[in-house]
N, C-alpha and C. Protein backbone atom coordinates (compact mmCIF):
# COMPACT_ATOMS: atom_id res chain seq x y z
N MET A 1 146.36 31.96 149.27
CA MET A 1 145.22 31.09 149.08
C MET A 1 144.94 30.86 147.59
N ASN A 2 145.08 31.93 146.80
CA ASN A 2 144.83 31.79 145.36
C ASN A 2 145.78 30.78 144.71
N ILE A 3 147.04 30.80 145.13
CA ILE A 3 148.02 29.87 144.56
C ILE A 3 147.66 28.43 144.92
N LEU A 4 147.27 28.21 146.17
CA LEU A 4 146.87 26.87 146.61
C LEU A 4 145.66 26.36 145.82
N VAL A 5 144.67 27.22 145.64
CA VAL A 5 143.48 26.84 144.86
C VAL A 5 143.87 26.57 143.41
N GLY A 6 144.78 27.37 142.86
CA GLY A 6 145.25 27.15 141.49
C GLY A 6 145.94 25.81 141.33
N ILE A 7 146.79 25.46 142.28
CA ILE A 7 147.49 24.17 142.22
C ILE A 7 146.49 23.02 142.37
N LEU A 8 145.59 23.12 143.34
CA LEU A 8 144.59 22.07 143.55
C LEU A 8 143.68 21.92 142.33
N THR A 9 143.27 23.05 141.79
CA THR A 9 142.40 23.02 140.62
C THR A 9 143.11 22.41 139.42
N GLY A 10 144.34 22.83 139.18
CA GLY A 10 145.11 22.29 138.05
C GLY A 10 145.36 20.80 138.18
N ALA A 11 145.71 20.36 139.38
CA ALA A 11 145.99 18.94 139.59
C ALA A 11 144.74 18.10 139.39
N THR A 12 143.64 18.52 139.98
CA THR A 12 142.41 17.73 139.84
C THR A 12 141.85 17.79 138.43
N ALA A 13 141.96 18.93 137.78
CA ALA A 13 141.46 19.05 136.40
C ALA A 13 142.27 18.18 135.45
N SER A 14 143.57 18.12 135.65
CA SER A 14 144.40 17.33 134.74
C SER A 14 144.12 15.83 134.88
N MET A 15 143.57 15.43 136.02
CA MET A 15 143.21 14.02 136.21
C MET A 15 141.74 13.76 135.89
N GLY A 16 141.02 14.80 135.48
CA GLY A 16 139.60 14.63 135.16
C GLY A 16 138.72 14.49 136.39
N LEU A 17 139.14 15.10 137.49
CA LEU A 17 138.41 14.95 138.75
C LEU A 17 137.61 16.18 139.16
N GLY A 18 137.31 17.06 138.23
CA GLY A 18 136.45 18.19 138.55
C GLY A 18 137.16 19.42 139.05
N GLY A 19 138.32 19.70 138.53
CA GLY A 19 139.04 20.91 138.92
C GLY A 19 138.28 22.18 138.60
N GLY A 20 137.57 22.16 137.49
CA GLY A 20 136.78 23.33 137.11
C GLY A 20 135.69 23.62 138.12
N PHE A 21 135.11 22.59 138.68
CA PHE A 21 134.09 22.76 139.71
C PHE A 21 134.69 23.44 140.93
N ILE A 22 135.87 22.99 141.33
CA ILE A 22 136.54 23.58 142.49
C ILE A 22 136.81 25.06 142.23
N LEU A 23 137.33 25.36 141.04
CA LEU A 23 137.64 26.75 140.70
C LEU A 23 136.37 27.60 140.68
N LEU A 24 135.31 27.10 140.09
CA LEU A 24 134.07 27.87 140.00
C LEU A 24 133.48 28.14 141.37
N VAL A 25 133.48 27.14 142.24
CA VAL A 25 132.96 27.34 143.60
C VAL A 25 133.83 28.34 144.35
N TYR A 26 135.15 28.20 144.24
CA TYR A 26 136.05 29.13 144.93
C TYR A 26 135.82 30.57 144.45
N LEU A 27 135.79 30.75 143.14
CA LEU A 27 135.65 32.10 142.61
C LEU A 27 134.31 32.73 142.95
N SER A 28 133.24 31.94 142.89
CA SER A 28 131.91 32.52 143.09
C SER A 28 131.50 32.61 144.56
N VAL A 29 132.07 31.78 145.42
CA VAL A 29 131.67 31.79 146.83
C VAL A 29 132.67 32.54 147.71
N PHE A 30 133.96 32.33 147.50
CA PHE A 30 134.97 32.86 148.42
C PHE A 30 135.65 34.14 147.93
N THR A 31 135.30 34.60 146.76
CA THR A 31 135.82 35.88 146.28
C THR A 31 134.64 36.77 145.91
N GLU A 32 134.93 37.97 145.52
CA GLU A 32 133.88 38.93 145.16
C GLU A 32 133.51 38.84 143.68
N ILE A 33 133.98 37.82 142.99
CA ILE A 33 133.76 37.70 141.55
C ILE A 33 132.33 37.23 141.28
N PRO A 34 131.58 37.95 140.42
CA PRO A 34 130.21 37.52 140.09
C PRO A 34 130.21 36.17 139.37
N GLN A 35 129.10 35.46 139.49
CA GLN A 35 128.96 34.12 138.93
C GLN A 35 129.27 34.07 137.44
N ASP A 36 128.76 35.03 136.66
CA ASP A 36 128.98 34.99 135.22
C ASP A 36 130.45 35.19 134.86
N ILE A 37 131.14 36.05 135.58
CA ILE A 37 132.58 36.27 135.34
C ILE A 37 133.36 35.03 135.76
N ALA A 38 132.97 34.43 136.89
CA ALA A 38 133.63 33.20 137.35
C ALA A 38 133.49 32.08 136.32
N GLN A 39 132.33 32.00 135.68
CA GLN A 39 132.14 30.98 134.65
C GLN A 39 133.06 31.24 133.46
N GLY A 40 133.24 32.49 133.09
CA GLY A 40 134.15 32.82 131.99
C GLY A 40 135.59 32.48 132.33
N ILE A 41 136.01 32.79 133.54
CA ILE A 41 137.37 32.45 133.98
C ILE A 41 137.54 30.93 133.98
N ASN A 42 136.53 30.23 134.46
CA ASN A 42 136.58 28.77 134.49
C ASN A 42 136.71 28.20 133.08
N LEU A 43 136.01 28.78 132.13
CA LEU A 43 136.11 28.32 130.75
C LEU A 43 137.51 28.55 130.20
N LEU A 44 138.09 29.71 130.46
CA LEU A 44 139.46 29.98 130.00
C LEU A 44 140.45 29.02 130.64
N PHE A 45 140.21 28.65 131.88
CA PHE A 45 141.06 27.68 132.58
C PHE A 45 140.91 26.29 131.96
N PHE A 46 139.69 25.95 131.58
CA PHE A 46 139.39 24.61 131.07
C PHE A 46 139.99 24.35 129.69
N LEU A 47 139.98 25.34 128.82
CA LEU A 47 140.37 25.12 127.43
C LEU A 47 141.77 24.53 127.24
N PRO A 48 142.83 25.09 127.85
CA PRO A 48 144.15 24.47 127.63
C PRO A 48 144.26 23.06 128.21
N ILE A 49 143.61 22.82 129.34
CA ILE A 49 143.65 21.48 129.94
C ILE A 49 142.90 20.49 129.05
N ALA A 50 141.76 20.91 128.52
CA ALA A 50 141.00 20.02 127.63
C ALA A 50 141.78 19.72 126.36
N LEU A 51 142.45 20.72 125.81
CA LEU A 51 143.24 20.51 124.60
C LEU A 51 144.39 19.53 124.87
N LEU A 52 145.09 19.72 125.97
CA LEU A 52 146.18 18.82 126.32
C LEU A 52 145.67 17.39 126.54
N SER A 53 144.55 17.26 127.24
CA SER A 53 143.97 15.94 127.47
C SER A 53 143.56 15.28 126.16
N LEU A 54 142.99 16.06 125.25
CA LEU A 54 142.58 15.51 123.96
C LEU A 54 143.79 15.02 123.17
N ILE A 55 144.86 15.79 123.17
CA ILE A 55 146.08 15.38 122.46
C ILE A 55 146.61 14.07 123.03
N ILE A 56 146.66 13.97 124.35
CA ILE A 56 147.16 12.74 124.99
C ILE A 56 146.25 11.55 124.67
N HIS A 57 144.94 11.77 124.71
CA HIS A 57 144.00 10.68 124.41
C HIS A 57 144.10 10.24 122.95
N ILE A 58 144.27 11.18 122.04
CA ILE A 58 144.43 10.81 120.63
C ILE A 58 145.72 10.03 120.44
N LYS A 59 146.79 10.50 121.07
CA LYS A 59 148.08 9.81 120.97
C LYS A 59 147.99 8.38 121.49
N ASN A 60 147.24 8.17 122.57
CA ASN A 60 147.09 6.84 123.16
C ASN A 60 145.94 6.04 122.54
N LYS A 61 145.37 6.56 121.46
CA LYS A 61 144.28 5.90 120.73
C LYS A 61 143.08 5.61 121.64
N LEU A 62 142.74 6.57 122.47
CA LEU A 62 141.60 6.44 123.37
C LEU A 62 140.42 7.31 122.95
N THR A 63 140.50 7.86 121.74
CA THR A 63 139.47 8.78 121.28
C THR A 63 138.87 8.29 119.97
N ASP A 64 137.55 8.21 119.93
CA ASP A 64 136.83 7.86 118.71
C ASP A 64 136.53 9.17 117.98
N LEU A 65 137.34 9.50 116.99
CA LEU A 65 137.22 10.79 116.31
C LEU A 65 135.90 10.95 115.58
N LYS A 66 135.31 9.86 115.10
CA LYS A 66 133.99 9.95 114.46
C LYS A 66 132.94 10.39 115.47
N LEU A 67 133.02 9.85 116.67
CA LEU A 67 132.09 10.21 117.72
C LEU A 67 132.30 11.66 118.15
N VAL A 68 133.54 12.09 118.21
CA VAL A 68 133.85 13.49 118.54
C VAL A 68 133.18 14.41 117.54
N GLY A 69 133.29 14.07 116.25
CA GLY A 69 132.67 14.88 115.21
C GLY A 69 131.17 14.98 115.38
N LYS A 70 130.53 13.86 115.72
CA LYS A 70 129.08 13.87 115.94
C LYS A 70 128.70 14.79 117.09
N TYR A 71 129.45 14.74 118.17
CA TYR A 71 129.13 15.59 119.32
C TYR A 71 129.40 17.06 119.03
N LEU A 72 130.41 17.36 118.25
CA LEU A 72 130.73 18.75 117.93
C LEU A 72 129.63 19.41 117.11
N ILE A 73 128.96 18.64 116.26
CA ILE A 73 127.91 19.20 115.41
C ILE A 73 126.83 19.89 116.24
N LEU A 74 126.42 19.29 117.33
CA LEU A 74 125.42 19.91 118.21
C LEU A 74 126.06 20.64 119.39
N GLY A 75 127.21 20.17 119.83
CA GLY A 75 127.83 20.75 121.02
C GLY A 75 128.23 22.20 120.86
N LEU A 76 128.84 22.53 119.74
CA LEU A 76 129.29 23.91 119.54
C LEU A 76 128.14 24.90 119.46
N PRO A 77 127.10 24.65 118.64
CA PRO A 77 125.98 25.60 118.63
C PRO A 77 125.28 25.71 119.99
N CYS A 78 125.14 24.60 120.69
CA CYS A 78 124.51 24.64 122.00
C CYS A 78 125.36 25.42 123.01
N ALA A 79 126.67 25.32 122.90
CA ALA A 79 127.56 26.09 123.78
C ALA A 79 127.41 27.58 123.52
N VAL A 80 127.28 27.96 122.26
CA VAL A 80 127.10 29.38 121.91
C VAL A 80 125.78 29.89 122.47
N VAL A 81 124.71 29.12 122.28
CA VAL A 81 123.39 29.52 122.80
C VAL A 81 123.43 29.59 124.32
N GLY A 82 124.03 28.60 124.97
CA GLY A 82 124.13 28.60 126.42
C GLY A 82 124.92 29.79 126.94
N SER A 83 125.98 30.15 126.25
CA SER A 83 126.78 31.31 126.64
C SER A 83 125.97 32.59 126.51
N TYR A 84 125.21 32.70 125.43
CA TYR A 84 124.38 33.88 125.23
C TYR A 84 123.31 33.98 126.33
N VAL A 85 122.65 32.87 126.61
CA VAL A 85 121.60 32.85 127.63
C VAL A 85 122.19 33.20 129.00
N ALA A 86 123.37 32.66 129.32
CA ALA A 86 124.02 32.98 130.59
C ALA A 86 124.37 34.46 130.66
N GLY A 87 124.74 35.04 129.52
CA GLY A 87 125.10 36.46 129.49
C GLY A 87 123.93 37.39 129.73
N ILE A 88 122.72 36.97 129.37
CA ILE A 88 121.55 37.83 129.56
C ILE A 88 120.75 37.46 130.81
N THR A 89 121.19 36.43 131.52
CA THR A 89 120.49 35.98 132.73
C THR A 89 121.08 36.67 133.95
N ASP A 90 120.22 37.04 134.87
CA ASP A 90 120.65 37.69 136.10
C ASP A 90 121.59 36.77 136.89
N VAL A 91 122.61 37.36 137.50
CA VAL A 91 123.62 36.59 138.23
C VAL A 91 122.99 35.78 139.37
N ALA A 92 122.00 36.35 140.04
CA ALA A 92 121.35 35.63 141.14
C ALA A 92 120.65 34.36 140.63
N VAL A 93 120.05 34.45 139.45
CA VAL A 93 119.40 33.28 138.86
C VAL A 93 120.45 32.24 138.48
N LEU A 94 121.56 32.69 137.89
CA LEU A 94 122.64 31.76 137.54
C LEU A 94 123.15 31.03 138.77
N ARG A 95 123.31 31.76 139.85
CA ARG A 95 123.79 31.16 141.09
C ARG A 95 122.84 30.07 141.59
N LYS A 96 121.54 30.37 141.55
CA LYS A 96 120.55 29.39 142.00
C LYS A 96 120.53 28.17 141.08
N LEU A 97 120.58 28.40 139.77
CA LEU A 97 120.59 27.28 138.82
C LEU A 97 121.83 26.41 139.02
N PHE A 98 122.98 27.04 139.26
CA PHE A 98 124.20 26.29 139.51
C PHE A 98 124.07 25.46 140.79
N GLY A 99 123.49 26.06 141.82
CA GLY A 99 123.28 25.34 143.08
C GLY A 99 122.37 24.13 142.90
N ILE A 100 121.29 24.31 142.13
CA ILE A 100 120.38 23.20 141.86
C ILE A 100 121.10 22.10 141.09
N PHE A 101 121.90 22.50 140.10
CA PHE A 101 122.65 21.53 139.30
C PHE A 101 123.61 20.73 140.18
N VAL A 102 124.36 21.41 141.03
CA VAL A 102 125.32 20.73 141.91
C VAL A 102 124.58 19.81 142.88
N LEU A 103 123.47 20.25 143.41
CA LEU A 103 122.67 19.42 144.31
C LEU A 103 122.17 18.16 143.60
N TYR A 104 121.68 18.33 142.38
CA TYR A 104 121.21 17.18 141.60
C TYR A 104 122.34 16.18 141.35
N ILE A 105 123.50 16.68 140.94
CA ILE A 105 124.65 15.80 140.68
C ILE A 105 125.05 15.07 141.96
N GLY A 106 125.08 15.78 143.08
CA GLY A 106 125.44 15.16 144.35
C GLY A 106 124.48 14.07 144.76
N ILE A 107 123.18 14.34 144.65
CA ILE A 107 122.17 13.33 144.99
C ILE A 107 122.29 12.13 144.06
N ASN A 108 122.48 12.39 142.79
CA ASN A 108 122.63 11.31 141.81
C ASN A 108 123.85 10.44 142.15
N GLN A 109 124.96 11.06 142.49
CA GLN A 109 126.16 10.29 142.82
C GLN A 109 125.97 9.48 144.09
N LEU A 110 125.29 10.04 145.08
CA LEU A 110 124.99 9.28 146.30
C LEU A 110 124.10 8.09 145.99
N TYR A 111 123.08 8.31 145.18
CA TYR A 111 122.17 7.22 144.80
C TYR A 111 122.93 6.09 144.10
N VAL A 112 123.76 6.45 143.14
CA VAL A 112 124.52 5.44 142.40
C VAL A 112 125.46 4.69 143.33
N SER A 113 126.12 5.41 144.24
CA SER A 113 127.08 4.74 145.12
C SER A 113 126.40 3.82 146.14
N PHE A 114 125.20 4.19 146.60
CA PHE A 114 124.52 3.36 147.59
C PHE A 114 123.73 2.22 146.98
N THR A 115 123.31 2.36 145.74
CA THR A 115 122.55 1.28 145.11
C THR A 115 123.45 0.35 144.32
N ASN A 116 124.72 0.71 144.20
CA ASN A 116 125.70 -0.09 143.47
C ASN A 116 125.29 -0.36 142.03
N LYS A 117 124.57 0.57 141.44
CA LYS A 117 124.19 0.42 140.04
C LYS A 117 125.25 1.11 139.19
N PRO A 118 125.98 0.35 138.40
CA PRO A 118 127.00 0.98 137.56
C PRO A 118 126.35 1.81 136.46
N CYS A 119 127.10 2.76 135.97
CA CYS A 119 126.62 3.58 134.86
C CYS A 119 126.38 2.69 133.65
N LYS A 120 125.32 2.98 132.93
CA LYS A 120 125.03 2.20 131.72
C LYS A 120 126.01 2.58 130.63
N LYS A 121 126.54 1.58 129.97
CA LYS A 121 127.42 1.82 128.84
C LYS A 121 126.59 1.73 127.57
N ARG A 122 126.78 2.71 126.72
CA ARG A 122 126.04 2.72 125.46
C ARG A 122 126.74 1.82 124.46
N SER A 123 125.98 0.94 123.88
CA SER A 123 126.56 0.04 122.88
C SER A 123 126.45 0.60 121.48
N ASP A 124 125.68 1.68 121.32
CA ASP A 124 125.48 2.24 119.99
C ASP A 124 126.34 3.47 119.74
N SER A 125 127.52 3.54 120.34
CA SER A 125 128.37 4.72 120.22
C SER A 125 129.12 4.79 118.90
N LYS A 126 128.99 3.80 118.04
CA LYS A 126 129.72 3.82 116.77
C LYS A 126 128.87 4.25 115.62
């Protein structure tokens, strides 16, 4: 089962279809791994795929490097703070917060698909 989940997760993650979500749900629901450890494993899984995707996008000129720099300025410190907060938060609370987040995303996606409202594109991204 682990190999099948690994293949499914890798394939979907490489296409940008939420492989990390699949891995996180599998690890935290179907195994005995605590939520905080599952999040760490998911992060380790994500990093090489993200790096490979970034290299391919840069090669194909699909990446605005100035915009990447802007996001990194706040993204990295916020990731450190989020990691620290997750480390000191009870696993049961993390599980509930993750469930609320997934529920919100699901409801939002259903709303968008049924109302046929496309995502807004930002014109000020430069």
